[in-house]
Amino acid sequence: MDQEFLLKYTKRNALTYALLVVNFDEGMLAAHLGIPMAALVDYLHGKQEVPMAVFRQAIRLLLEKTKVDAATQREVLRKIGELNGRC
């Protein structure tokens, strides 16, 4: 599989997991991500590609809600920065 394909599904899966973390409250997730709910639904259904900024916000939410330690958070965010440089 190519890297672009994997990144596309990784970003969408992150949103799906973030939705689970907020108890499937689409409105709450959209508000947290700072996007319209219609855009969130389009991202979740694969109608639009998830922008990197939205992906980063979803990852931050996941890190916060799952209480990952600070060192792990820094490492994940560093890797996202590397991905952002490739896109």
PDB file of N, CA and C in Angstrom:
ATOM      1  N   MET A   1       0.833  -1.183   0.000  1.00  0.00           N
ATOM      2  CA  MET A   1       0.000   0.000   0.000  1.00  0.00           C
ATOM      3  C   MET A   1       0.874   1.242   0.000  1.00  0.00           C
ATOM      4  N   ASP A   2       0.400   2.273  -0.645  1.00  0.00           N
ATOM      5  CA  ASP A   2       1.213   3.479  -0.658  1.00  0.00           C
ATOM      6  C   ASP A   2       0.934   4.338   0.581  1.00  0.00           C
ATOM      7  N   GLN A   3       1.870   5.200   0.865  1.00  0.00           N
ATOM      8  CA  GLN A   3       1.825   6.001   2.092  1.00  0.00           C
ATOM      9  C   GLN A   3       0.643   6.970   2.099  1.00  0.00           C
ATOM     10  N   GLU A   4       0.320   7.545   0.955  1.00  0.00           N
ATOM     11  CA  GLU A   4      -0.805   8.489   0.877  1.00  0.00           C
ATOM     12  C   GLU A   4      -2.119   7.797   1.231  1.00  0.00           C
ATOM     13  N   PHE A   5      -2.297   6.582   0.739  1.00  0.00           N
ATOM     14  CA  PHE A   5      -3.496   5.796   1.044  1.00  0.00           C
ATOM     15  C   PHE A   5      -3.598   5.536   2.544  1.00  0.00           C
ATOM     16  N   LEU A   6      -2.478   5.119   3.145  1.00  0.00           N
ATOM     17  CA  LEU A   6      -2.471   4.828   4.580  1.00  0.00           C
ATOM     18  C   LEU A   6      -2.737   6.073   5.407  1.00  0.00           C
ATOM     19  N   LEU A   7      -2.171   7.193   5.017  1.00  0.00           N
ATOM     20  CA  LEU A   7      -2.374   8.433   5.752  1.00  0.00           C
ATOM     21  C   LEU A   7      -3.842   8.847   5.704  1.00  0.00           C
ATOM     22  N   LYS A   8      -4.461   8.701   4.549  1.00  0.00           N
ATOM     23  CA  LYS A   8      -5.873   9.065   4.399  1.00  0.00           C
ATOM     24  C   LYS A   8      -6.735   8.285   5.395  1.00  0.00           C
ATOM     25  N   TYR A   9      -6.504   6.994   5.482  1.00  0.00           N
ATOM     26  CA  TYR A   9      -7.319   6.176   6.382  1.00  0.00           C
ATOM     27  C   TYR A   9      -6.910   6.344   7.837  1.00  0.00           C
ATOM     28  N   THR A  10      -5.662   6.646   8.081  1.00  0.00           N
ATOM     29  CA  THR A  10      -5.223   6.921   9.452  1.00  0.00           C
ATOM     30  C   THR A  10      -5.929   8.154   9.986  1.00  0.00           C
ATOM     31  N   LYS A  11      -6.025   9.192   9.167  1.00  0.00           N
ATOM     32  CA  LYS A  11      -6.690  10.422   9.605  1.00  0.00           C
ATOM     33  C   LYS A  11      -8.175  10.169   9.860  1.00  0.00           C
ATOM     34  N   ARG A  12      -8.814   9.435   8.979  1.00  0.00           N
ATOM     35  CA  ARG A  12     -10.236   9.149   9.175  1.00  0.00           C
ATOM     36  C   ARG A  12     -10.456   8.254  10.394  1.00  0.00           C
ATOM     37  N   ASN A  13      -9.586   7.280  10.599  1.00  0.00           N
ATOM     38  CA  ASN A  13      -9.709   6.411  11.776  1.00  0.00           C
ATOM     39  C   ASN A  13      -9.503   7.187  13.064  1.00  0.00           C
ATOM     40  N   ALA A  14      -8.618   8.173  13.049  1.00  0.00           N
ATOM     41  CA  ALA A  14      -8.418   9.006  14.241  1.00  0.00           C
ATOM     42  C   ALA A  14      -9.705   9.750  14.583  1.00  0.00           C
ATOM     43  N   LEU A  15     -10.392  10.262  13.573  1.00  0.00           N
ATOM     44  CA  LEU A  15     -11.672  10.939  13.822  1.00  0.00           C
ATOM     45  C   LEU A  15     -12.708   9.973  14.372  1.00  0.00           C
ATOM     46  N   THR A  16     -12.741   8.778  13.833  1.00  0.00           N
ATOM     47  CA  THR A  16     -13.698   7.772  14.310  1.00  0.00           C
ATOM     48  C   THR A  16     -13.419   7.430  15.770  1.00  0.00           C
ATOM     49  N   TYR A  17     -12.162   7.265  16.112  1.00  0.00           N
ATOM     50  CA  TYR A  17     -11.807   6.964  17.498  1.00  0.00           C
ATOM     51  C   TYR A  17     -12.131   8.150  18.414  1.00  0.00           C
ATOM     52  N   ALA A  18     -11.879   9.369  17.937  1.00  0.00           N
ATOM     53  CA  ALA A  18     -12.220  10.558  18.717  1.00  0.00           C
ATOM     54  C   ALA A  18     -13.727  10.625  18.961  1.00  0.00           C
ATOM     55  N   LEU A  19     -14.509  10.221  17.972  1.00  0.00           N
ATOM     56  CA  LEU A  19     -15.962  10.191  18.139  1.00  0.00           C
ATOM     57  C   LEU A  19     -16.356   9.210  19.237  1.00  0.00           C
ATOM     58  N   LEU A  20     -15.701   8.085  19.283  1.00  0.00           N
ATOM     59  CA  LEU A  20     -15.943   7.110  20.350  1.00  0.00           C
ATOM     60  C   LEU A  20     -15.619   7.714  21.720  1.00  0.00           C
ATOM     61  N   VAL A  21     -14.507   8.431  21.802  1.00  0.00           N
ATOM     62  CA  VAL A  21     -14.056   9.016  23.068  1.00  0.00           C
ATOM     63  C   VAL A  21     -15.056  10.039  23.607  1.00  0.00           C
ATOM     64  N   VAL A  22     -15.779  10.727  22.716  1.00  0.00           N
ATOM     65  CA  VAL A  22     -16.781  11.708  23.161  1.00  0.00           C
ATOM     66  C   VAL A  22     -18.191  11.098  23.158  1.00  0.00           C
ATOM     67  N   ASN A  23     -18.238   9.791  23.315  1.00  0.00           N
ATOM     68  CA  ASN A  23     -19.517   9.061  23.405  1.00  0.00           C
ATOM     69  C   ASN A  23     -20.414   9.286  22.196  1.00  0.00           C
ATOM     70  N   PHE A  24     -19.804   9.317  21.023  1.00  0.00           N
ATOM     71  CA  PHE A  24     -20.517   9.425  19.746  1.00  0.00           C
ATOM     72  C   PHE A  24     -21.341  10.709  19.613  1.00  0.00           C
ATOM     73  N   ASP A  25     -20.929  11.760  20.320  1.00  0.00           N
ATOM     74  CA  ASP A  25     -21.598  13.060  20.232  1.00  0.00           C
ATOM     75  C   ASP A  25     -20.922  13.870  19.120  1.00  0.00           C
ATOM     76  N   GLU A  26     -21.503  13.806  17.923  1.00  0.00           N
ATOM     77  CA  GLU A  26     -20.907  14.474  16.764  1.00  0.00           C
ATOM     78  C   GLU A  26     -20.806  15.978  16.967  1.00  0.00           C
ATOM     79  N   GLY A  27     -21.808  16.566  17.589  1.00  0.00           N
ATOM     80  CA  GLY A  27     -21.788  18.008  17.843  1.00  0.00           C
ATOM     81  C   GLY A  27     -20.635  18.400  18.750  1.00  0.00           C
ATOM     82  N   MET A  28     -20.420  17.619  19.792  1.00  0.00           N
ATOM     83  CA  MET A  28     -19.320  17.903  20.716  1.00  0.00           C
ATOM     84  C   MET A  28     -17.971  17.767  20.014  1.00  0.00           C
ATOM     85  N   LEU A  29     -17.822  16.724  19.209  1.00  0.00           N
ATOM     86  CA  LEU A  29     -16.559  16.526  18.508  1.00  0.00           C
ATOM     87  C   LEU A  29     -16.320  17.649  17.506  1.00  0.00           C
ATOM     88  N   ALA A  30     -17.342  18.001  16.753  1.00  0.00           N
ATOM     89  CA  ALA A  30     -17.197  19.090  15.776  1.00  0.00           C
ATOM     90  C   ALA A  30     -16.797  20.388  16.474  1.00  0.00           C
ATOM     91  N   ALA A  31     -17.424  20.669  17.609  1.00  0.00           N
ATOM     92  CA  ALA A  31     -17.092  21.888  18.357  1.00  0.00           C
ATOM     93  C   ALA A  31     -15.650  21.838  18.850  1.00  0.00           C
ATOM     94  N   HIS A  32     -15.238  20.696  19.351  1.00  0.00           N
ATOM     95  CA  HIS A  32     -13.865  20.554  19.842  1.00  0.00           C
ATOM     96  C   HIS A  32     -12.850  20.744  18.713  1.00  0.00           C
ATOM     97  N   LEU A  33     -13.199  20.250  17.542  1.00  0.00           N
ATOM     98  CA  LEU A  33     -12.295  20.351  16.392  1.00  0.00           C
ATOM     99  C   LEU A  33     -12.385  21.706  15.700  1.00  0.00           C
ATOM    100  N   GLY A  34     -13.420  22.485  16.049  1.00  0.00           N
ATOM    101  CA  GLY A  34     -13.601  23.797  15.443  1.00  0.00           C
ATOM    102  C   GLY A  34     -14.059  23.750  14.001  1.00  0.00           C
ATOM    103  N   ILE A  35     -14.900  22.747  13.689  1.00  0.00           N
ATOM    104  CA  ILE A  35     -15.395  22.585  12.316  1.00  0.00           C
ATOM    105  C   ILE A  35     -16.914  22.420  12.338  1.00  0.00           C
ATOM    106  N   PRO A  36     -17.578  22.705  11.219  1.00  0.00           N
ATOM    107  CA  PRO A  36     -19.022  22.459  11.148  1.00  0.00           C
ATOM    108  C   PRO A  36     -19.320  20.959  11.226  1.00  0.00           C
ATOM    109  N   MET A  37     -20.456  20.612  11.799  1.00  0.00           N
ATOM    110  CA  MET A  37     -20.808  19.202  11.928  1.00  0.00           C
ATOM    111  C   MET A  37     -20.940  18.539  10.552  1.00  0.00           C
ATOM    112  N   ALA A  38     -21.431  19.272   9.570  1.00  0.00           N
ATOM    113  CA  ALA A  38     -21.564  18.703   8.217  1.00  0.00           C
ATOM    114  C   ALA A  38     -20.195  18.287   7.672  1.00  0.00           C
ATOM    115  N   ALA A  39     -19.176  19.083   7.947  1.00  0.00           N
ATOM    116  CA  ALA A  39     -17.823  18.736   7.492  1.00  0.00           C
ATOM    117  C   ALA A  39     -17.335  17.483   8.212  1.00  0.00           C
ATOM    118  N   LEU A  40     -17.596  17.402   9.523  1.00  0.00           N
ATOM    119  CA  LEU A  40     -17.202  16.213  10.283  1.00  0.00           C
ATOM    120  C   LEU A  40     -17.833  14.961   9.695  1.00  0.00           C
ATOM    121  N   VAL A  41     -19.115  15.027   9.396  1.00  0.00           N
ATOM    122  CA  VAL A  41     -19.811  13.873   8.820  1.00  0.00           C
ATOM    123  C   VAL A  41     -19.198  13.502   7.472  1.00  0.00           C
ATOM    124  N   ASP A  42     -18.883  14.501   6.650  1.00  0.00           N
ATOM    125  CA  ASP A  42     -18.242  14.223   5.359  1.00  0.00           C
ATOM    126  C   ASP A  42     -16.884  13.547   5.552  1.00  0.00           C
ATOM    127  N   TYR A  43     -16.112  14.005   6.532  1.00  0.00           N
ATOM    128  CA  TYR A  43     -14.807  13.393   6.807  1.00  0.00           C
ATOM    129  C   TYR A  43     -14.982  11.943   7.265  1.00  0.00           C
ATOM    130  N   LEU A  44     -15.933  11.725   8.155  1.00  0.00           N
ATOM    131  CA  LEU A  44     -16.153  10.380   8.690  1.00  0.00           C
ATOM    132  C   LEU A  44     -16.624   9.399   7.619  1.00  0.00           C
ATOM    133  N   HIS A  45     -17.382   9.900   6.651  1.00  0.00           N
ATOM    134  CA  HIS A  45     -17.903   9.042   5.583  1.00  0.00           C
ATOM    135  C   HIS A  45     -16.980   8.983   4.371  1.00  0.00           C
ATOM    136  N   GLY A  46     -15.842   9.651   4.471  1.00  0.00           N
ATOM    137  CA  GLY A  46     -14.872   9.605   3.381  1.00  0.00           C
ATOM    138  C   GLY A  46     -15.229  10.452   2.178  1.00  0.00           C
ATOM    139  N   LYS A  47     -16.185  11.368   2.332  1.00  0.00           N
ATOM    140  CA  LYS A  47     -16.570  12.234   1.214  1.00  0.00           C
ATOM    141  C   LYS A  47     -15.550  13.338   0.971  1.00  0.00           C
ATOM    142  N   GLN A  48     -14.847  13.712   2.026  1.00  0.00           N
ATOM    143  CA  GLN A  48     -13.777  14.695   1.935  1.00  0.00           C
ATOM    144  C   GLN A  48     -12.588  14.155   2.715  1.00  0.00           C
ATOM    145  N   GLU A  49     -11.404  14.519   2.292  1.00  0.00           N
ATOM    146  CA  GLU A  49     -10.212  14.108   3.026  1.00  0.00           C
ATOM    147  C   GLU A  49     -10.070  14.974   4.277  1.00  0.00           C
ATOM    148  N   VAL A  50      -9.659  14.367   5.352  1.00  0.00           N
ATOM    149  CA  VAL A  50      -9.485  15.064   6.627  1.00  0.00           C
ATOM    150  C   VAL A  50      -8.264  15.978   6.530  1.00  0.00           C
ATOM    151  N   PRO A  51      -8.451  17.285   6.743  1.00  0.00           N
ATOM    152  CA  PRO A  51      -7.298  18.187   6.728  1.00  0.00           C
ATOM    153  C   PRO A  51      -6.339  17.867   7.875  1.00  0.00           C
ATOM    154  N   MET A  52      -5.067  18.142   7.650  1.00  0.00           N
ATOM    155  CA  MET A  52      -4.062  17.840   8.668  1.00  0.00           C
ATOM    156  C   MET A  52      -4.356  18.576   9.971  1.00  0.00           C
ATOM    157  N   ALA A  53      -4.842  19.808   9.908  1.00  0.00           N
ATOM    158  CA  ALA A  53      -5.141  20.565  11.134  1.00  0.00           C
ATOM    159  C   ALA A  53      -6.234  19.873  11.957  1.00  0.00           C
ATOM    160  N   VAL A  54      -7.229  19.329  11.296  1.00  0.00           N
ATOM    161  CA  VAL A  54      -8.312  18.610  11.985  1.00  0.00           C
ATOM    162  C   VAL A  54      -7.767  17.310  12.575  1.00  0.00           C
ATOM    163  N   PHE A  55      -6.924  16.631  11.817  1.00  0.00           N
ATOM    164  CA  PHE A  55      -6.297  15.400  12.306  1.00  0.00           C
ATOM    165  C   PHE A  55      -5.496  15.680  13.578  1.00  0.00           C
ATOM    166  N   ARG A  56      -4.701  16.760  13.551  1.00  0.00           N
ATOM    167  CA  ARG A  56      -3.904  17.105  14.740  1.00  0.00           C
ATOM    168  C   ARG A  56      -4.795  17.378  15.945  1.00  0.00           C
ATOM    169  N   GLN A  57      -5.886  18.089  15.741  1.00  0.00           N
ATOM    170  CA  GLN A  57      -6.806  18.371  16.849  1.00  0.00           C
ATOM    171  C   GLN A  57      -7.414  17.078  17.386  1.00  0.00           C
ATOM    172  N   ALA A  58      -7.762  16.162  16.499  1.00  0.00           N
ATOM    173  CA  ALA A  58      -8.325  14.875  16.934  1.00  0.00           C
ATOM    174  C   ALA A  58      -7.300  14.092  17.749  1.00  0.00           C
ATOM    175  N   ILE A  59      -6.051  14.107  17.308  1.00  0.00           N
ATOM    176  CA  ILE A  59      -5.003  13.396  18.048  1.00  0.00           C
ATOM    177  C   ILE A  59      -4.791  14.032  19.416  1.00  0.00           C
ATOM    178  N   ARG A  60      -4.804  15.356  19.471  1.00  0.00           N
ATOM    179  CA  ARG A  60      -4.661  16.031  20.774  1.00  0.00           C
ATOM    180  C   ARG A  60      -5.795  15.634  21.720  1.00  0.00           C
ATOM    181  N   LEU A  61      -7.006  15.570  21.190  1.00  0.00           N
ATOM    182  CA  LEU A  61      -8.148  15.153  22.004  1.00  0.00           C
ATOM    183  C   LEU A  61      -7.945  13.730  22.510  1.00  0.00           C
ATOM    184  N   LEU A  62      -7.516  12.850  21.636  1.00  0.00           N
ATOM    185  CA  LEU A  62      -7.294  11.460  22.036  1.00  0.00           C
ATOM    186  C   LEU A  62      -6.207  11.346  23.096  1.00  0.00           C
ATOM    187  N   LEU A  63      -5.136  12.081  22.923  1.00  0.00           N
ATOM    188  CA  LEU A  63      -4.057  12.047  23.907  1.00  0.00           C
ATOM    189  C   LEU A  63      -4.539  12.560  25.260  1.00  0.00           C
ATOM    190  N   GLU A  64      -5.321  13.618  25.219  1.00  0.00           N
ATOM    191  CA  GLU A  64      -5.848  14.206  26.448  1.00  0.00           C
ATOM    192  C   GLU A  64      -6.815  13.252  27.151  1.00  0.00           C
ATOM    193  N   LYS A  65      -7.735  12.700  26.396  1.00  0.00           N
ATOM    194  CA  LYS A  65      -8.786  11.852  26.983  1.00  0.00           C
ATOM    195  C   LYS A  65      -8.277  10.492  27.428  1.00  0.00           C
ATOM    196  N   THR A  66      -7.235  10.007  26.781  1.00  0.00           N
ATOM    197  CA  THR A  66      -6.704   8.704  27.178  1.00  0.00           C
ATOM    198  C   THR A  66      -5.574   8.842  28.189  1.00  0.00           C
ATOM    199  N   LYS A  67      -5.271  10.090  28.563  1.00  0.00           N
ATOM    200  CA  LYS A  67      -4.294  10.389  29.611  1.00  0.00           C
ATOM    201  C   LYS A  67      -2.918   9.767  29.348  1.00  0.00           C
ATOM    202  N   VAL A  68      -2.478   9.928  28.122  1.00  0.00           N
ATOM    203  CA  VAL A  68      -1.154   9.451  27.749  1.00  0.00           C
ATOM    204  C   VAL A  68      -0.119  10.349  28.429  1.00  0.00           C
ATOM    205  N   ASP A  69       0.987   9.760  28.861  1.00  0.00           N
ATOM    206  CA  ASP A  69       2.008  10.555  29.550  1.00  0.00           C
ATOM    207  C   ASP A  69       2.622  11.588  28.610  1.00  0.00           C
ATOM    208  N   ALA A  70       3.230  12.614  29.203  1.00  0.00           N
ATOM    209  CA  ALA A  70       3.731  13.764  28.453  1.00  0.00           C
ATOM    210  C   ALA A  70       4.795  13.376  27.425  1.00  0.00           C
ATOM    211  N   ALA A  71       5.675  12.449  27.757  1.00  0.00           N
ATOM    212  CA  ALA A  71       6.724  12.047  26.814  1.00  0.00           C
ATOM    213  C   ALA A  71       6.115  11.399  25.575  1.00  0.00           C
ATOM    214  N   THR A  72       5.112  10.562  25.766  1.00  0.00           N
ATOM    215  CA  THR A  72       4.444   9.914  24.640  1.00  0.00           C
ATOM    216  C   THR A  72       3.707  10.954  23.804  1.00  0.00           C
ATOM    217  N   GLN A  73       3.052  11.915  24.463  1.00  0.00           N
ATOM    218  CA  GLN A  73       2.362  12.978  23.737  1.00  0.00           C
ATOM    219  C   GLN A  73       3.337  13.738  22.842  1.00  0.00           C
ATOM    220  N   ARG A  74       4.490  14.094  23.377  1.00  0.00           N
ATOM    221  CA  ARG A  74       5.482  14.829  22.580  1.00  0.00           C
ATOM    222  C   ARG A  74       5.931  14.004  21.379  1.00  0.00           C
ATOM    223  N   GLU A  75       6.146  12.714  21.578  1.00  0.00           N
ATOM    224  CA  GLU A  75       6.590  11.848  20.491  1.00  0.00           C
ATOM    225  C   GLU A  75       5.522  11.735  19.400  1.00  0.00           C
ATOM    226  N   VAL A  76       4.276  11.562  19.797  1.00  0.00           N
ATOM    227  CA  VAL A  76       3.184  11.464  18.811  1.00  0.00           C
ATOM    228  C   VAL A  76       3.066  12.766  18.039  1.00  0.00           C
ATOM    229  N   LEU A  77       3.087  13.880  18.734  1.00  0.00           N
ATOM    230  CA  LEU A  77       2.967  15.173  18.064  1.00  0.00           C
ATOM    231  C   LEU A  77       4.174  15.442  17.158  1.00  0.00           C
ATOM    232  N   ARG A  78       5.365  14.975  17.531  1.00  0.00           N
ATOM    233  CA  ARG A  78       6.544  15.112  16.682  1.00  0.00           C
ATOM    234  C   ARG A  78       6.341  14.334  15.376  1.00  0.00           C
ATOM    235  N   LYS A  79       5.808  13.115  15.499  1.00  0.00           N
ATOM    236  CA  LYS A  79       5.576  12.295  14.314  1.00  0.00           C
ATOM    237  C   LYS A  79       4.519  12.924  13.403  1.00  0.00           C
ATOM    238  N   ILE A  80       3.508  13.524  14.011  1.00  0.00           N
ATOM    239  CA  ILE A  80       2.494  14.216  13.202  1.00  0.00           C
ATOM    240  C   ILE A  80       3.139  15.380  12.462  1.00  0.00           C
ATOM    241  N   GLY A  81       4.042  16.082  13.129  1.00  0.00           N
ATOM    242  CA  GLY A  81       4.769  17.160  12.464  1.00  0.00           C
ATOM    243  C   GLY A  81       5.557  16.655  11.270  1.00  0.00           C
ATOM    244  N   GLU A  82       6.154  15.483  11.403  1.00  0.00           N
ATOM    245  CA  GLU A  82       6.878  14.890  10.277  1.00  0.00           C
ATOM    246  C   GLU A  82       5.928  14.562   9.130  1.00  0.00           C
ATOM    247  N   LEU A  83       4.770  14.009   9.469  1.00  0.00           N
ATOM    248  CA  LEU A  83       3.776  13.701   8.440  1.00  0.00           C
ATOM    249  C   LEU A  83       3.336  14.979   7.737  1.00  0.00           C
ATOM    250  N   ASN A  84       3.123  16.023   8.515  1.00  0.00           N
ATOM    251  CA  ASN A  84       2.680  17.296   7.961  1.00  0.00           C
ATOM    252  C   ASN A  84       3.693  17.824   6.956  1.00  0.00           C
ATOM    253  N   GLY A  85       4.965  17.595   7.203  1.00  0.00           N
ATOM    254  CA  GLY A  85       6.006  18.027   6.283  1.00  0.00           C
ATOM    255  C   GLY A  85       5.991  17.266   4.973  1.00  0.00           C
ATOM    256  N   ARG A  86       5.430  16.076   4.976  1.00  0.00           N
ATOM    257  CA  ARG A  86       5.372  15.248   3.758  1.00  0.00           C
ATOM    258  C   ARG A  86       4.139  15.530   2.926  1.00  0.00           C
ATOM    259  N   CYS A  87       3.146  16.174   3.524  1.00  0.00           N
ATOM    260  CA  CYS A  87       1.876  16.395   2.809  1.00  0.00           C
ATOM    261  C   CYS A  87       1.846  17.743   2.123  1.00  0.00           C
TER     262      CYS A  87
END
